[in-house]
Amino acid sequence: MTIAILRMMKICILLCLCLLYVSGCATVPKDAAGSQAHYVDPGQKSEVYGVGIDSQDIISITDEMIRDMLSNPFWSDSETLPKVIIDSKYFKNESSTRINKKMITDRLRVELNKTARGKMIFIGREYLNMILKEAELKQLGLMGQDKAMDEIRIYEADYRLGGRISTRDAINPKTGAFSRYHQLLFDMIDLKTGAIVWSNGYNFKKTAQEDIIYR
């Protein structure tokens, strides 16, 4: 009886060891450490890309818009420095691509500001609440007053950026391959007349067997 019990115990121990071994092999990946993070050129296509708008697309789009915008004569025809608003408020994403619009308009504004070299005045309308809060604190007497800065003067803008992102998708149900055509439209609007003083577009198409997940 004792020998039989010992044999059963040995069998149970062996079975447990086998289960632990199989479970460990199934759950531990071959490369448990993973790959180390490394820098890549945002202007070049990386190993992770899909049919959406990637970093190299944002750089190419904004660079082309800046060159074309600065070559337009309506900037130089103005007797005073044009006051411009470039933000994402009126830049709509009507596409199937998930994208933070500010990544496009922010880079466009920053690079245009550097390239224009004082030929334009850029107005940060999204910071209006910050300016009004500062004026409110001064009116309440909570801050030291400088007679030269008693009045808050907010610039009236001459032009503002508008536009939209549109896409058209095509899917092959047999192969699972799909493509996405992007159309990005940029308009500069005269805020006194509503006229479109500058307009340009950027188009591209991508195809893939499987798309990546954009976040």
Protein backbone atom coordinates (compact mmCIF):
# COMPACT_ATOMS: atom_id res chain seq x y z
CA MET A 1 0.00 0.00 0.00
CA THR A 2 2.81 2.40 0.86
CA ILE A 3 4.68 1.62 -2.37
CA ALA A 4 1.52 2.31 -4.41
CA ILE A 5 1.01 5.65 -2.71
CA LEU A 6 4.60 6.66 -3.35
CA ARG A 7 4.26 5.76 -7.03
CA MET A 8 1.07 7.83 -7.31
CA MET A 9 2.82 10.78 -5.65
CA LYS A 10 5.74 10.54 -8.09
CA ILE A 11 3.35 10.45 -11.04
CA CYS A 12 1.49 13.52 -9.76
CA ILE A 13 4.75 15.42 -9.28
CA LEU A 14 5.91 14.53 -12.81
CA LEU A 15 2.57 15.64 -14.27
CA CYS A 16 2.78 18.96 -12.43
CA LEU A 17 6.31 19.54 -13.68
CA CYS A 18 5.24 18.79 -17.26
CA LEU A 19 2.31 21.21 -17.03
CA LEU A 20 4.55 23.96 -15.66
CA TYR A 21 7.06 23.41 -18.48
CA VAL A 22 4.40 23.47 -21.21
CA SER A 23 2.77 26.56 -19.71
CA GLY A 24 6.10 28.38 -19.53
CA CYS A 25 6.90 27.60 -23.15
CA ALA A 26 3.50 28.83 -24.29
CA THR A 27 3.50 32.15 -22.44
CA VAL A 28 7.11 33.34 -22.57
CA PRO A 29 7.93 34.93 -25.94
CA LYS A 30 11.15 34.10 -27.70
CA ASP A 31 12.38 37.67 -27.33
CA ALA A 32 11.18 38.47 -23.82
CA ALA A 33 13.36 41.55 -23.59
CA GLY A 34 11.85 43.10 -26.76
CA SER A 35 13.60 45.61 -28.98
CA GLN A 36 15.17 48.76 -27.64
CA ALA A 37 13.71 52.15 -28.53
CA HIS A 38 15.74 54.10 -31.06
CA TYR A 39 15.53 57.42 -32.90
CA VAL A 40 14.35 57.57 -36.51
CA ASP A 41 14.18 60.46 -38.95
CA PRO A 42 10.55 61.76 -38.84
CA GLY A 43 10.93 62.95 -42.43
CA GLN A 44 11.64 59.42 -43.68
CA LYS A 45 9.36 56.39 -43.87
CA SER A 46 9.94 54.13 -40.87
CA GLU A 47 9.25 50.43 -40.38
CA VAL A 48 5.89 51.33 -38.80
CA TYR A 49 3.58 53.08 -41.22
CA GLY A 50 0.12 52.68 -42.70
CA VAL A 51 -2.31 54.31 -45.12
CA GLY A 52 -3.01 57.25 -42.80
CA ILE A 53 -1.13 60.55 -42.44
CA ASP A 54 2.33 59.78 -41.07
CA SER A 55 5.10 62.08 -39.82
CA GLN A 56 6.82 62.30 -43.20
CA ASP A 57 3.50 63.34 -44.75
CA ILE A 58 3.00 66.15 -42.23
CA ILE A 59 6.51 67.47 -42.91
CA SER A 60 6.10 67.29 -46.70
CA ILE A 61 2.65 68.91 -46.61
CA THR A 62 3.63 71.85 -44.42
CA ASP A 63 6.91 72.46 -46.24
CA GLU A 64 5.13 72.70 -49.58
CA MET A 65 2.39 74.97 -48.18
CA ILE A 66 4.99 77.34 -46.67
CA ARG A 67 6.93 77.68 -49.94
CA ASP A 68 3.79 78.36 -51.94
CA MET A 69 2.28 80.73 -49.37
CA LEU A 70 5.38 82.91 -49.12
CA SER A 71 5.63 83.15 -52.91
CA ASN A 72 2.11 84.62 -53.11
CA PRO A 73 2.20 88.40 -53.77
CA PHE A 74 -0.72 89.23 -51.45
CA TRP A 75 1.69 89.35 -48.49
CA SER A 76 3.97 91.95 -50.06
CA ASP A 77 1.10 94.06 -51.46
CA SER A 78 -0.07 94.98 -47.97
CA GLU A 79 0.97 98.45 -46.72
CA THR A 80 1.28 97.11 -43.18
CA LEU A 81 2.45 93.78 -41.81
CA PRO A 82 -0.38 91.27 -42.32
CA LYS A 83 -1.80 89.83 -39.09
CA VAL A 84 -2.48 86.13 -39.50
CA ILE A 85 -4.20 83.40 -37.47
CA ILE A 86 -3.04 79.87 -38.24
CA ASP A 87 -4.65 77.27 -35.99
CA SER A 88 -6.89 74.21 -36.23
CA LYS A 89 -10.22 75.85 -35.35
CA TYR A 90 -11.44 76.06 -38.95
CA PHE A 91 -9.27 73.25 -40.29
CA LYS A 92 -11.69 70.31 -40.40
CA ASN A 93 -10.97 66.60 -40.49
CA GLU A 94 -13.73 65.04 -42.60
CA SER A 95 -11.64 61.99 -43.45
CA SER A 96 -11.46 58.40 -42.26
CA THR A 97 -7.90 59.03 -41.02
CA ARG A 98 -7.37 59.55 -37.32
CA ILE A 99 -5.13 62.61 -36.99
CA ASN A 100 -4.54 65.42 -34.53
CA LYS A 101 -5.15 68.46 -36.76
CA LYS A 102 -2.94 70.63 -34.56
CA MET A 103 0.11 68.63 -35.63
CA ILE A 104 -0.41 70.06 -39.13
CA THR A 105 -1.44 73.64 -38.29
CA ASP A 106 1.08 74.03 -35.45
CA ARG A 107 4.00 73.02 -37.63
CA LEU A 108 2.70 75.19 -40.45
CA ARG A 109 2.53 78.23 -38.16
CA VAL A 110 5.88 77.66 -36.45
CA GLU A 111 7.85 77.01 -39.65
CA LEU A 112 6.09 79.85 -41.48
CA ASN A 113 6.88 82.20 -38.60
CA LYS A 114 10.57 81.27 -38.79
CA THR A 115 10.73 81.50 -42.58
CA ALA A 116 8.75 84.74 -42.89
CA ARG A 117 11.35 86.55 -40.72
CA GLY A 118 9.12 89.33 -39.45
CA LYS A 119 7.11 89.81 -42.65
CA MET A 120 3.93 88.74 -40.85
CA ILE A 121 2.43 89.05 -37.38
CA PHE A 122 1.05 85.77 -36.07
CA ILE A 123 -1.86 86.05 -33.65
CA GLY A 124 -2.42 83.35 -31.03
CA ARG A 125 -6.20 83.55 -30.81
CA GLU A 126 -6.31 80.29 -28.83
CA TYR A 127 -4.53 82.18 -26.01
CA LEU A 128 -7.20 84.89 -25.82
CA ASN A 129 -8.51 83.67 -22.45
CA MET A 130 -5.01 83.96 -21.02
CA ILE A 131 -4.82 87.61 -22.12
CA LEU A 132 -8.27 88.42 -20.76
CA LYS A 133 -7.42 86.78 -17.44
CA GLU A 134 -4.33 88.95 -17.17
CA ALA A 135 -6.40 92.06 -17.90
CA GLU A 136 -8.93 91.02 -15.24
CA LEU A 137 -6.21 90.67 -12.60
CA LYS A 138 -4.93 94.15 -13.42
CA GLN A 139 -8.41 95.64 -13.16
CA LEU A 140 -8.86 94.04 -9.74
CA GLY A 141 -5.66 95.70 -8.58
CA LEU A 142 -4.01 92.38 -7.84
CA MET A 143 -1.00 93.17 -9.97
CA GLY A 144 1.38 96.11 -10.16
CA GLN A 145 0.35 98.66 -12.76
CA ASP A 146 2.62 100.13 -15.37
CA LYS A 147 1.12 103.30 -16.88
CA ALA A 148 2.49 102.38 -20.26
CA MET A 149 0.66 99.04 -20.09
CA ASP A 150 -2.65 100.08 -18.54
CA GLU A 151 -4.67 99.17 -21.62
CA ILE A 152 -4.76 95.74 -23.18
CA ARG A 153 -4.82 96.02 -26.95
CA ILE A 154 -5.67 92.89 -28.89
CA TYR A 155 -4.73 92.83 -32.54
CA GLU A 156 -7.45 92.56 -35.14
CA ALA A 157 -6.55 89.75 -37.54
CA ASP A 158 -6.44 90.32 -41.29
CA TYR A 159 -6.32 86.69 -42.43
CA ARG A 160 -7.17 83.27 -40.99
CA LEU A 161 -6.42 79.75 -42.16
CA GLY A 162 -9.20 77.36 -43.05
CA GLY A 163 -9.42 74.06 -44.87
CA ARG A 164 -10.27 70.39 -44.60
CA ILE A 165 -8.93 66.86 -44.84
CA SER A 166 -10.92 64.44 -47.02
CA THR A 167 -10.35 60.79 -47.93
CA ARG A 168 -11.69 58.09 -50.20
CA ASP A 169 -11.11 54.42 -49.33
CA ALA A 170 -11.15 51.39 -51.60
CA ILE A 171 -11.04 47.76 -50.37
CA ASN A 172 -10.55 44.55 -52.32
CA PRO A 173 -12.76 41.98 -50.53
CA LYS A 174 -10.94 39.05 -52.14
CA THR A 175 -7.41 39.94 -51.09
CA GLY A 176 -8.07 42.27 -48.16
CA ALA A 177 -5.85 44.92 -49.72
CA PHE A 178 -7.05 48.50 -49.45
CA SER A 179 -6.01 51.99 -50.43
CA ARG A 180 -6.74 55.48 -49.13
CA TYR A 181 -6.63 58.69 -51.15
CA HIS A 182 -6.03 61.85 -49.12
CA GLN A 183 -6.91 65.38 -50.16
CA LEU A 184 -5.83 68.26 -47.92
CA LEU A 185 -7.15 71.71 -48.81
CA PHE A 186 -5.76 74.94 -47.35
CA ASP A 187 -7.44 78.37 -47.70
CA MET A 188 -6.35 81.77 -46.40
CA ILE A 189 -9.42 83.91 -45.79
CA ASP A 190 -9.53 87.71 -45.78
CA LEU A 191 -11.45 88.40 -42.56
CA LYS A 192 -12.73 91.76 -43.83
CA THR A 193 -14.18 90.56 -47.12
CA GLY A 194 -14.35 86.76 -46.89
CA ALA A 195 -12.25 86.46 -50.04
CA ILE A 196 -9.91 83.50 -50.42
CA VAL A 197 -6.59 85.26 -51.01
CA TRP A 198 -4.56 82.05 -51.17
CA SER A 199 -5.46 78.42 -51.69
CA ASN A 200 -3.55 75.21 -52.25
CA GLY A 201 -4.01 71.47 -51.91
CA TYR A 202 -1.93 68.41 -51.20
CA ASN A 203 -2.91 64.96 -52.47
CA PHE A 204 -1.49 61.49 -52.00
CA LYS A 205 -2.62 57.86 -52.08
CA LYS A 206 -1.39 54.88 -50.07
CA THR A 207 -2.04 51.16 -50.39
CA ALA A 208 -1.45 48.35 -47.91
CA GLN A 209 -2.37 44.76 -47.20
CA GLU A 210 -2.92 45.50 -43.53
CA ASP A 211 -3.20 48.92 -41.92
CA ILE A 212 -1.62 49.87 -38.61
CA ILE A 213 -3.46 51.34 -35.63
CA TYR A 214 -3.16 55.13 -35.31
CA ARG A 215 -3.50 56.63 -31.82
